[in-house]
């Protein structure tokens, strides 16, 4: 045996003409990760569907025979909170179908005109009857001929508030005559804001509004009168009146009358009243 004889290698043992051996490839990591995500997605969808069906069954059971376990009022405080809670208390422990939501909301709006943004909702699972409301913010007092008082809020709504606790000394007082509407023209609120802004330049002793003729009259401390005419463009009229009255104080003696009846035609009349 030759000293050069060697043990045949693996390649030498392969029969000529046969296919080369191939290693089996394992699945790629990204592919396996994708399969895992798909499996988790299927499991999550199944769990979500099961929870949804369970919640629907519970909700349906609560809706068909929902009772008030507790009344919760938000947005008001003090005695008003107690009164609104008392108005809702008769429903506690009673069946409260969905149609009663609108009934209670309208009842609260009628009984408490000083409230705005009233909403009523049912918390189905907790049994809480929730009432939300806000107190209107008055900008003026309306003094009626019979001595009663109404308030005008920022949205031109006229309302009663016999239990108004906040101080009203800073509110503009308007002597009101005629039918009392549920809402006035927004121009009046603009006028009130203009008067507050120019109160030092345009002080007044009386401000009158007649809704039958829709006319506004202002009386100044020196007996001068400003006839604002129709309750339109009142904010612009107030600003113009302030400038004209500055001129009248410098050039005229005694009370004057300022007439805005033809303001829409760009005409304003200033006359001196007889002494």
Protein backbone atom coordinates (compact mmCIF):
# COMPACT_ATOMS: atom_id res chain seq x y z
CA UNK A 1 0.00 0.00 0.00
CA UNK A 2 1.40 3.35 -1.05
CA UNK A 3 2.29 5.83 1.54
CA UNK A 4 0.41 8.36 -0.55
CA UNK A 5 -2.89 6.55 -0.22
CA UNK A 6 -5.44 8.74 1.67
CA UNK A 7 -8.83 8.21 3.14
CA UNK A 8 -11.42 9.29 0.58
CA UNK A 9 -13.03 12.57 1.41
CA UNK A 10 -16.81 13.16 1.55
CA UNK A 11 -16.66 14.77 -1.84
CA UNK A 12 -14.81 11.78 -3.24
CA UNK A 13 -17.47 9.43 -1.97
CA UNK A 14 -20.16 11.28 -3.85
CA UNK A 15 -21.04 9.34 -6.94
CA UNK A 16 -20.37 11.26 -10.11
CA UNK A 17 -23.57 12.50 -11.74
CA UNK A 18 -25.65 12.49 -8.55
CA UNK A 19 -27.27 15.76 -7.28
CA UNK A 20 -25.31 17.78 -4.76
CA UNK A 21 -26.51 17.62 -1.21
CA UNK A 22 -28.50 20.67 0.01
CA UNK A 23 -29.01 21.73 3.57
CA UNK A 24 -32.54 22.22 4.73
CA UNK A 25 -33.32 25.92 5.35
CA UNK A 26 -35.16 26.88 8.47
CA UNK A 27 -38.09 29.37 8.19
CA UNK A 28 -36.94 33.00 8.23
CA UNK A 29 -37.28 34.89 11.54
CA UNK A 30 -39.48 37.62 10.02
CA UNK A 31 -41.91 35.02 8.67
CA UNK A 32 -42.21 33.36 12.07
CA UNK A 33 -42.75 36.75 13.73
CA UNK A 34 -45.52 37.53 11.24
CA UNK A 35 -47.25 34.26 12.06
CA UNK A 36 -47.05 35.11 15.74
CA UNK A 37 -48.60 38.52 15.18
CA UNK A 38 -51.43 36.98 13.15
CA UNK A 39 -52.14 34.50 15.91
CA UNK A 40 -52.19 37.23 18.54
CA UNK A 41 -54.47 39.34 16.35
CA UNK A 42 -56.95 36.48 15.99
CA UNK A 43 -56.92 35.89 19.75
CA UNK A 44 -57.35 39.64 20.47
CA UNK A 45 -60.25 39.95 18.02
CA UNK A 46 -61.96 36.98 19.62
CA UNK A 47 -61.52 38.40 23.11
CA UNK A 48 -62.81 41.84 22.01
CA UNK A 49 -65.85 40.28 20.33
CA UNK A 50 -66.60 38.32 23.47
CA UNK A 51 -66.32 41.39 25.70
CA UNK A 52 -68.49 43.42 23.32
CA UNK A 53 -71.23 40.81 23.31
CA UNK A 54 -71.10 40.56 27.09
CA UNK A 55 -71.32 44.37 27.48
CA UNK A 56 -74.26 44.53 25.06
CA UNK A 57 -76.14 41.92 27.05
CA UNK A 58 -75.49 43.76 30.31
CA UNK A 59 -76.44 47.09 28.77
CA UNK A 60 -79.63 45.70 27.28
CA UNK A 61 -80.60 44.32 30.67
CA UNK A 62 -79.93 47.71 32.30
CA UNK A 63 -81.73 49.72 29.60
CA UNK A 64 -84.93 47.71 29.68
CA UNK A 65 -85.30 48.04 33.44
CA UNK A 66 -83.02 50.91 34.49
CA UNK A 67 -83.53 52.33 37.99
CA UNK A 68 -82.06 55.44 39.57
CA UNK A 69 -79.71 54.50 42.38
CA UNK A 70 -78.22 57.95 42.93
CA UNK A 71 -78.79 61.54 41.75
CA UNK A 72 -75.70 63.62 40.96
CA UNK A 73 -75.90 67.37 40.17
CA UNK A 74 -72.89 69.26 38.79
CA UNK A 75 -72.25 72.91 37.88
CA UNK A 76 -74.16 74.64 40.72
CA UNK A 77 -73.65 75.03 44.44
CA UNK A 78 -75.27 76.20 47.67
CA UNK A 79 -79.04 76.32 48.01
CA UNK A 80 -79.47 76.05 44.25
CA UNK A 81 -77.66 72.72 44.31
CA UNK A 82 -80.01 71.52 47.02
CA UNK A 83 -83.09 72.65 45.08
CA UNK A 84 -82.06 71.03 41.80
CA UNK A 85 -81.18 67.84 43.65
CA UNK A 86 -84.56 67.90 45.39
CA UNK A 87 -86.31 68.33 42.01
CA UNK A 88 -84.59 65.17 40.76
CA UNK A 89 -84.89 63.20 44.02
CA UNK A 90 -88.42 61.80 43.35
CA UNK A 91 -86.92 59.63 40.62
CA UNK A 92 -84.44 57.97 42.99
CA UNK A 93 -85.17 54.27 43.39
CA UNK A 94 -87.67 54.44 40.54
CA UNK A 95 -87.61 53.11 36.99
CA UNK A 96 -86.31 55.79 34.64
CA UNK A 97 -86.82 55.02 30.93
CA UNK A 98 -84.98 57.03 28.27
CA UNK A 99 -88.00 59.25 27.48
CA UNK A 100 -87.85 60.65 31.03
CA UNK A 101 -84.50 62.29 30.24
CA UNK A 102 -86.19 64.98 28.14
CA UNK A 103 -89.05 65.33 30.65
CA UNK A 104 -86.72 66.03 33.58
CA UNK A 105 -84.54 68.41 31.56
CA UNK A 106 -87.55 70.53 30.51
CA UNK A 107 -88.84 70.50 34.09
CA UNK A 108 -85.52 71.83 35.43
CA UNK A 109 -85.34 74.51 32.71
CA UNK A 110 -88.87 75.69 33.58
CA UNK A 111 -88.39 75.64 37.35
CA UNK A 112 -84.91 77.20 37.30
CA UNK A 113 -84.77 79.86 34.54
CA UNK A 114 -81.47 81.14 35.96
CA UNK A 115 -79.79 77.96 34.69
CA UNK A 116 -78.41 77.36 31.21
CA UNK A 117 -76.84 74.38 29.45
CA UNK A 118 -79.08 71.93 31.34
CA UNK A 119 -78.44 68.28 30.44
CA UNK A 120 -79.66 65.00 31.93
CA UNK A 121 -77.95 61.65 31.35
CA UNK A 122 -78.15 58.09 32.67
CA UNK A 123 -75.07 56.12 33.68
CA UNK A 124 -76.32 52.66 32.75
CA UNK A 125 -73.98 50.48 34.77
CA UNK A 126 -73.61 52.64 37.88
CA UNK A 127 -77.27 53.66 38.16
CA UNK A 128 -76.35 57.36 38.51
CA UNK A 129 -78.78 59.99 37.18
CA UNK A 130 -76.51 62.89 36.25
CA UNK A 131 -77.71 66.50 35.91
CA UNK A 132 -75.37 69.19 34.55
CA UNK A 133 -76.17 72.92 34.49
CA UNK A 134 -74.55 76.35 34.72
CA UNK A 135 -75.70 79.58 36.32
CA UNK A 136 -76.43 82.38 33.85
CA UNK A 137 -74.21 85.46 34.02
CA UNK A 138 -76.33 88.64 34.19
CA UNK A 139 -75.17 91.85 32.49
CA UNK A 140 -78.15 94.05 33.38
CA UNK A 141 -81.16 94.37 35.67
CA UNK A 142 -84.55 95.06 34.09
CA UNK A 143 -86.79 97.04 36.48
CA UNK A 144 -90.43 96.36 35.60
CA UNK A 145 -93.31 98.81 36.32
CA UNK A 146 -94.79 96.49 38.96
CA UNK A 147 -91.53 96.58 40.94
CA UNK A 148 -90.38 93.11 39.95
CA UNK A 149 -86.94 92.48 38.54
CA UNK A 150 -85.71 90.48 35.57
CA UNK A 151 -82.15 89.89 34.46
CA UNK A 152 -80.52 90.02 31.06
CA UNK A 153 -77.69 87.55 30.43
CA UNK A 154 -74.83 87.52 27.94
CA UNK A 155 -76.98 85.75 25.34
CA UNK A 156 -79.81 88.35 25.57
CA UNK A 157 -82.06 85.95 27.51
CA UNK A 158 -84.50 87.58 29.96
CA UNK A 159 -85.03 85.53 33.11
CA UNK A 160 -86.02 85.59 36.77
CA UNK A 161 -83.70 84.88 39.67
CA UNK A 162 -85.28 85.65 43.02
CA UNK A 163 -82.43 83.92 44.86
CA UNK A 164 -79.59 85.76 43.18
CA UNK A 165 -76.79 85.71 45.74
CA UNK A 166 -74.08 87.53 43.78
CA UNK A 167 -73.95 91.32 44.22
CA UNK A 168 -75.97 93.26 41.63
CA UNK A 169 -74.78 96.78 42.42
CA UNK A 170 -72.42 96.80 39.41
CA UNK A 171 -75.11 95.73 36.95
CA UNK A 172 -76.60 98.28 34.56
CA UNK A 173 -80.18 99.04 35.58
CA UNK A 174 -82.72 99.46 32.80
CA UNK A 175 -86.23 100.80 33.45
CA UNK A 176 -88.33 98.39 31.45
CA UNK A 177 -91.75 99.14 29.98
CA UNK A 178 -93.96 96.96 27.81
CA UNK A 179 -94.28 93.25 27.20
CA UNK A 180 -91.45 91.16 28.64
CA UNK A 181 -90.07 88.84 25.95
CA UNK A 182 -88.10 85.68 26.60
CA UNK A 183 -85.18 87.13 24.65
CA UNK A 184 -84.18 90.63 23.58
CA UNK A 185 -82.21 91.78 20.56
CA UNK A 186 -78.48 91.09 20.89
CA UNK A 187 -77.86 94.76 20.16
CA UNK A 188 -79.03 95.62 23.69
CA UNK A 189 -76.27 93.48 25.21
CA UNK A 190 -73.77 95.27 22.97
CA UNK A 191 -75.12 98.58 24.26
CA UNK A 192 -74.76 97.49 27.88
CA UNK A 193 -71.15 96.49 27.31
CA UNK A 194 -70.50 99.80 25.56
CA UNK A 195 -72.01 101.73 28.48
CA UNK A 196 -69.87 99.83 30.97
CA UNK A 197 -66.77 100.61 28.92
CA UNK A 198 -67.64 104.33 28.57
CA UNK A 199 -69.35 104.82 31.92
CA UNK A 200 -66.82 107.46 33.05
CA UNK A 201 -67.25 109.46 29.85
CA UNK A 202 -70.98 108.86 29.57
CA UNK A 203 -72.50 108.63 33.07
CA UNK A 204 -76.28 108.37 33.24
CA UNK A 205 -79.00 108.56 35.86
CA UNK A 206 -81.62 106.52 34.03
CA UNK A 207 -81.81 104.16 31.07
CA UNK A 208 -85.26 103.30 29.74
CA UNK A 209 -86.35 100.62 27.29
CA UNK A 210 -89.86 100.45 25.85
CA UNK A 211 -90.41 97.14 24.09
CA UNK A 212 -93.77 98.26 22.64
CA UNK A 213 -92.05 100.97 20.58
CA UNK A 214 -88.61 99.31 20.71
CA UNK A 215 -86.99 102.59 21.75
CA UNK A 216 -84.17 103.34 24.19
CA UNK A 217 -83.79 106.63 26.10
CA UNK A 218 -80.90 107.64 28.37
CA UNK A 219 -81.11 110.48 30.90
CA UNK A 220 -77.87 112.06 32.15
CA UNK A 221 -77.30 113.62 35.59
CA UNK A 222 -77.56 117.17 34.14
CA UNK A 223 -81.02 116.35 32.67
CA UNK A 224 -79.64 115.89 29.17
CA UNK A 225 -81.37 113.20 27.11
CA UNK A 226 -80.08 110.81 24.51
CA UNK A 227 -82.78 109.37 22.27
CA UNK A 228 -81.23 106.24 20.82
CA UNK A 229 -84.32 105.53 18.70
CA UNK A 230 -84.87 101.95 17.59
CA UNK A 231 -82.93 99.32 19.51
CA UNK A 232 -80.58 98.72 16.59
CA UNK A 233 -76.83 99.35 16.26
CA UNK A 234 -76.87 100.42 19.90
CA UNK A 235 -73.18 99.79 20.54
CA UNK A 236 -72.19 102.14 17.70
CA UNK A 237 -74.70 104.71 18.90
CA UNK A 238 -73.25 104.68 22.41
CA UNK A 239 -69.73 105.26 21.10
CA UNK A 240 -70.95 108.15 18.89
CA UNK A 241 -72.98 109.62 21.78
CA UNK A 242 -69.92 109.66 24.04
CA UNK A 243 -67.92 111.67 21.48
CA UNK A 244 -70.79 114.11 20.79
CA UNK A 245 -71.47 114.71 24.48
CA UNK A 246 -67.77 115.56 25.00
CA UNK A 247 -68.21 118.26 22.33
CA UNK A 248 -71.50 119.49 23.86
CA UNK A 249 -69.96 119.93 27.32
CA UNK A 250 -67.24 122.15 25.87
CA UNK A 251 -69.39 124.29 23.55
CA UNK A 252 -72.92 124.31 25.00
CA UNK A 253 -74.25 125.32 28.38
CA UNK A 254 -76.98 123.41 30.14
CA UNK A 255 -78.80 120.20 29.20
CA UNK A 256 -79.03 119.05 25.59
CA UNK A 257 -81.00 116.50 23.60
CA UNK A 258 -79.20 114.09 21.29
CA UNK A 259 -81.44 112.31 18.79
CA UNK A 260 -80.36 109.15 16.93
CA UNK A 261 -83.74 108.51 15.27
CA UNK A 262 -82.16 108.96 11.81
CA UNK A 263 -78.86 107.25 12.58
CA UNK A 264 -79.44 104.74 9.79
CA UNK A 265 -79.39 107.69 7.37
CA UNK A 266 -76.11 108.95 8.89
CA UNK A 267 -77.83 111.85 10.64
CA UNK A 268 -77.66 112.73 14.34
CA UNK A 269 -79.34 115.84 15.79
CA UNK A 270 -78.00 117.78 18.78
CA UNK A 271 -80.22 120.52 20.24
CA UNK A 272 -80.04 122.52 23.43
CA UNK A 273 -82.94 122.11 25.82
CA UNK A 274 -84.61 125.25 27.19
CA UNK A 275 -83.39 126.26 30.65
